[in-house]
């Protein structure tokens, strides 16, 4: 305990313990959108195409 005695002799307070913070894991959607930022545009385009095709087939 050399450091503790030295700190006490110098009048310093005891050393603070480092606390490890748990990193919050990102969700599946967050990871997916971070990995593929263009994915919402592709899904939106596919959905719009399906809706237009469905609407055209309905009014035939």
N, C-alpha and C. Protein backbone atom coordinates (compact mmCIF):
# COMPACT_ATOMS: atom_id res chain seq x y z
N UNK A 1 0.83 -1.18 0.00
CA UNK A 1 0.00 0.00 0.00
C UNK A 1 0.87 1.24 0.00
N UNK A 2 1.87 1.29 -0.84
CA UNK A 2 2.77 2.42 -0.91
C UNK A 2 2.08 3.68 -1.37
N UNK A 3 1.23 3.55 -2.36
CA UNK A 3 0.54 4.73 -2.89
C UNK A 3 -0.42 5.31 -1.86
N UNK A 4 -1.10 4.45 -1.12
CA UNK A 4 -2.06 4.92 -0.13
C UNK A 4 -1.36 5.71 0.97
N UNK A 5 -0.22 5.22 1.42
CA UNK A 5 0.54 5.94 2.46
C UNK A 5 1.06 7.27 1.93
N UNK A 6 1.55 7.26 0.71
CA UNK A 6 2.07 8.49 0.11
C UNK A 6 0.97 9.54 -0.03
N UNK A 7 -0.21 9.11 -0.47
CA UNK A 7 -1.32 10.05 -0.61
C UNK A 7 -1.74 10.59 0.76
N UNK A 8 -1.70 9.73 1.77
CA UNK A 8 -2.08 10.17 3.11
C UNK A 8 -1.07 11.18 3.66
N UNK A 9 0.22 10.95 3.40
CA UNK A 9 1.25 11.87 3.85
C UNK A 9 1.15 13.22 3.15
N UNK A 10 0.74 13.21 1.88
CA UNK A 10 0.60 14.46 1.14
C UNK A 10 -0.72 15.17 1.45
N UNK A 11 -1.58 14.52 2.20
CA UNK A 11 -2.87 15.12 2.55
C UNK A 11 -3.90 15.01 1.44
N UNK A 12 -3.69 14.08 0.52
CA UNK A 12 -4.63 13.88 -0.58
C UNK A 12 -5.69 12.87 -0.17
N UNK A 13 -6.89 12.99 -0.72
CA UNK A 13 -7.93 12.00 -0.41
C UNK A 13 -7.62 10.68 -1.11
N UNK A 14 -8.23 9.59 -0.66
CA UNK A 14 -8.01 8.30 -1.32
C UNK A 14 -8.43 8.36 -2.79
N UNK A 15 -7.76 7.56 -3.57
CA UNK A 15 -8.04 7.54 -5.00
C UNK A 15 -9.44 7.00 -5.26
N UNK A 16 -10.13 7.65 -6.18
CA UNK A 16 -11.49 7.19 -6.52
C UNK A 16 -11.40 5.98 -7.44
N UNK A 17 -12.30 5.05 -7.22
CA UNK A 17 -12.34 3.86 -8.06
C UNK A 17 -13.04 4.19 -9.36
N UNK A 18 -12.50 3.65 -10.43
CA UNK A 18 -13.12 3.86 -11.74
C UNK A 18 -14.33 2.94 -11.86
N UNK A 19 -15.45 3.51 -12.24
CA UNK A 19 -16.68 2.74 -12.39
C UNK A 19 -16.91 2.52 -13.88
N UNK A 20 -17.02 1.27 -14.24
CA UNK A 20 -17.29 0.95 -15.64
C UNK A 20 -18.78 1.08 -15.90
N UNK A 21 -19.11 1.85 -16.93
CA UNK A 21 -20.51 2.02 -17.31
C UNK A 21 -20.86 0.96 -18.35
N UNK A 22 -22.00 0.32 -18.13
CA UNK A 22 -22.46 -0.66 -19.11
C UNK A 22 -22.97 0.07 -20.33
N UNK A 23 -22.46 -0.33 -21.47
CA UNK A 23 -22.92 0.29 -22.71
C UNK A 23 -24.29 -0.28 -23.06
N UNK A 24 -25.18 0.60 -23.42
CA UNK A 24 -26.52 0.18 -23.79
C UNK A 24 -26.47 -0.37 -25.22
N UNK A 25 -26.97 -1.56 -25.38
CA UNK A 25 -26.97 -2.16 -26.71
C UNK A 25 -28.08 -1.55 -27.55
N UNK A 26 -27.73 -1.23 -28.77
CA UNK A 26 -28.72 -0.67 -29.68
C UNK A 26 -29.65 -1.78 -30.16
N UNK A 27 -30.86 -1.41 -30.50
CA UNK A 27 -31.85 -2.37 -30.95
C UNK A 27 -31.58 -2.85 -32.36
N UNK A 28 -32.36 -3.81 -32.77
CA UNK A 28 -32.20 -4.42 -34.10
C UNK A 28 -32.44 -3.40 -35.20
N UNK A 29 -33.50 -2.58 -35.05
CA UNK A 29 -33.83 -1.59 -36.07
C UNK A 29 -32.73 -0.54 -36.18
N UNK A 30 -32.18 -0.12 -35.05
CA UNK A 30 -31.11 0.88 -35.05
C UNK A 30 -29.87 0.34 -35.75
N UNK A 31 -29.51 -0.89 -35.44
CA UNK A 31 -28.34 -1.50 -36.08
C UNK A 31 -28.56 -1.65 -37.58
N UNK A 32 -29.76 -2.06 -37.95
CA UNK A 32 -30.05 -2.27 -39.36
C UNK A 32 -30.03 -0.95 -40.13
N UNK A 33 -30.62 0.10 -39.56
CA UNK A 33 -30.65 1.39 -40.25
C UNK A 33 -29.27 2.03 -40.29
N UNK A 34 -28.43 1.75 -39.30
CA UNK A 34 -27.07 2.28 -39.31
C UNK A 34 -26.22 1.56 -40.36
N UNK A 35 -26.49 0.28 -40.52
CA UNK A 35 -25.71 -0.51 -41.47
C UNK A 35 -26.14 -0.24 -42.91
N UNK A 36 -27.45 -0.09 -43.13
CA UNK A 36 -28.00 0.15 -44.46
C UNK A 36 -28.87 1.41 -44.44
N UNK A 37 -28.29 2.60 -44.58
CA UNK A 37 -29.08 3.83 -44.49
C UNK A 37 -30.06 4.03 -45.65
N UNK A 38 -29.88 3.34 -46.76
CA UNK A 38 -30.75 3.47 -47.92
C UNK A 38 -31.94 2.53 -47.87
N UNK A 39 -32.00 1.65 -46.88
CA UNK A 39 -33.05 0.64 -46.79
C UNK A 39 -34.46 1.22 -46.70
N UNK A 40 -34.72 2.29 -45.94
CA UNK A 40 -36.09 2.83 -45.90
C UNK A 40 -36.59 3.31 -47.26
N UNK A 41 -35.69 3.85 -48.08
CA UNK A 41 -36.09 4.31 -49.41
C UNK A 41 -36.44 3.13 -50.31
N UNK A 42 -35.69 2.06 -50.20
CA UNK A 42 -35.98 0.87 -51.01
C UNK A 42 -37.30 0.25 -50.58
N UNK A 43 -37.51 0.11 -49.26
CA UNK A 43 -38.76 -0.46 -48.78
C UNK A 43 -39.96 0.43 -49.14
N UNK A 44 -39.78 1.73 -49.05
CA UNK A 44 -40.86 2.66 -49.43
C UNK A 44 -41.19 2.54 -50.91
N UNK A 45 -40.16 2.42 -51.74
CA UNK A 45 -40.39 2.26 -53.19
C UNK A 45 -41.10 0.96 -53.52
N UNK A 46 -40.70 -0.11 -52.85
CA UNK A 46 -41.34 -1.41 -53.08
C UNK A 46 -42.80 -1.35 -52.63
N UNK A 47 -43.05 -0.76 -51.48
CA UNK A 47 -44.42 -0.65 -50.97
C UNK A 47 -45.28 0.20 -51.90
N UNK A 48 -44.74 1.30 -52.37
CA UNK A 48 -45.49 2.16 -53.30
C UNK A 48 -45.79 1.42 -54.61
N UNK A 49 -44.83 0.66 -55.11
CA UNK A 49 -45.04 -0.12 -56.34
C UNK A 49 -46.13 -1.16 -56.14
N UNK A 50 -46.10 -1.85 -55.02
CA UNK A 50 -47.12 -2.87 -54.74
C UNK A 50 -48.50 -2.23 -54.64
N UNK A 51 -48.59 -1.09 -53.98
CA UNK A 51 -49.88 -0.42 -53.86
C UNK A 51 -50.41 0.06 -55.21
N UNK A 52 -49.54 0.58 -56.05
CA UNK A 52 -49.98 1.04 -57.38
C UNK A 52 -50.44 -0.15 -58.23
N UNK A 53 -49.69 -1.25 -58.20
CA UNK A 53 -50.07 -2.43 -58.98
C UNK A 53 -51.40 -2.98 -58.46
N UNK A 54 -51.58 -3.01 -57.16
CA UNK A 54 -52.81 -3.49 -56.57
C UNK A 54 -53.99 -2.58 -56.96
N UNK A 55 -53.75 -1.28 -56.95
CA UNK A 55 -54.81 -0.33 -57.33
C UNK A 55 -55.19 -0.49 -58.81
N UNK A 56 -54.20 -0.71 -59.67
CA UNK A 56 -54.48 -0.91 -61.10
C UNK A 56 -55.26 -2.21 -61.32
N UNK A 57 -54.91 -3.26 -60.61
CA UNK A 57 -55.61 -4.54 -60.75
C UNK A 57 -57.05 -4.43 -60.20
N UNK A 58 -57.27 -3.62 -59.20
CA UNK A 58 -58.59 -3.47 -58.61
C UNK A 58 -59.55 -2.79 -59.58
N UNK A 59 -59.08 -1.79 -60.33
CA UNK A 59 -59.96 -1.04 -61.23
C UNK A 59 -60.01 -1.61 -62.65
N UNK A 60 -59.41 -2.75 -62.90
CA UNK A 60 -59.52 -3.37 -64.22
C UNK A 60 -60.87 -4.01 -64.41
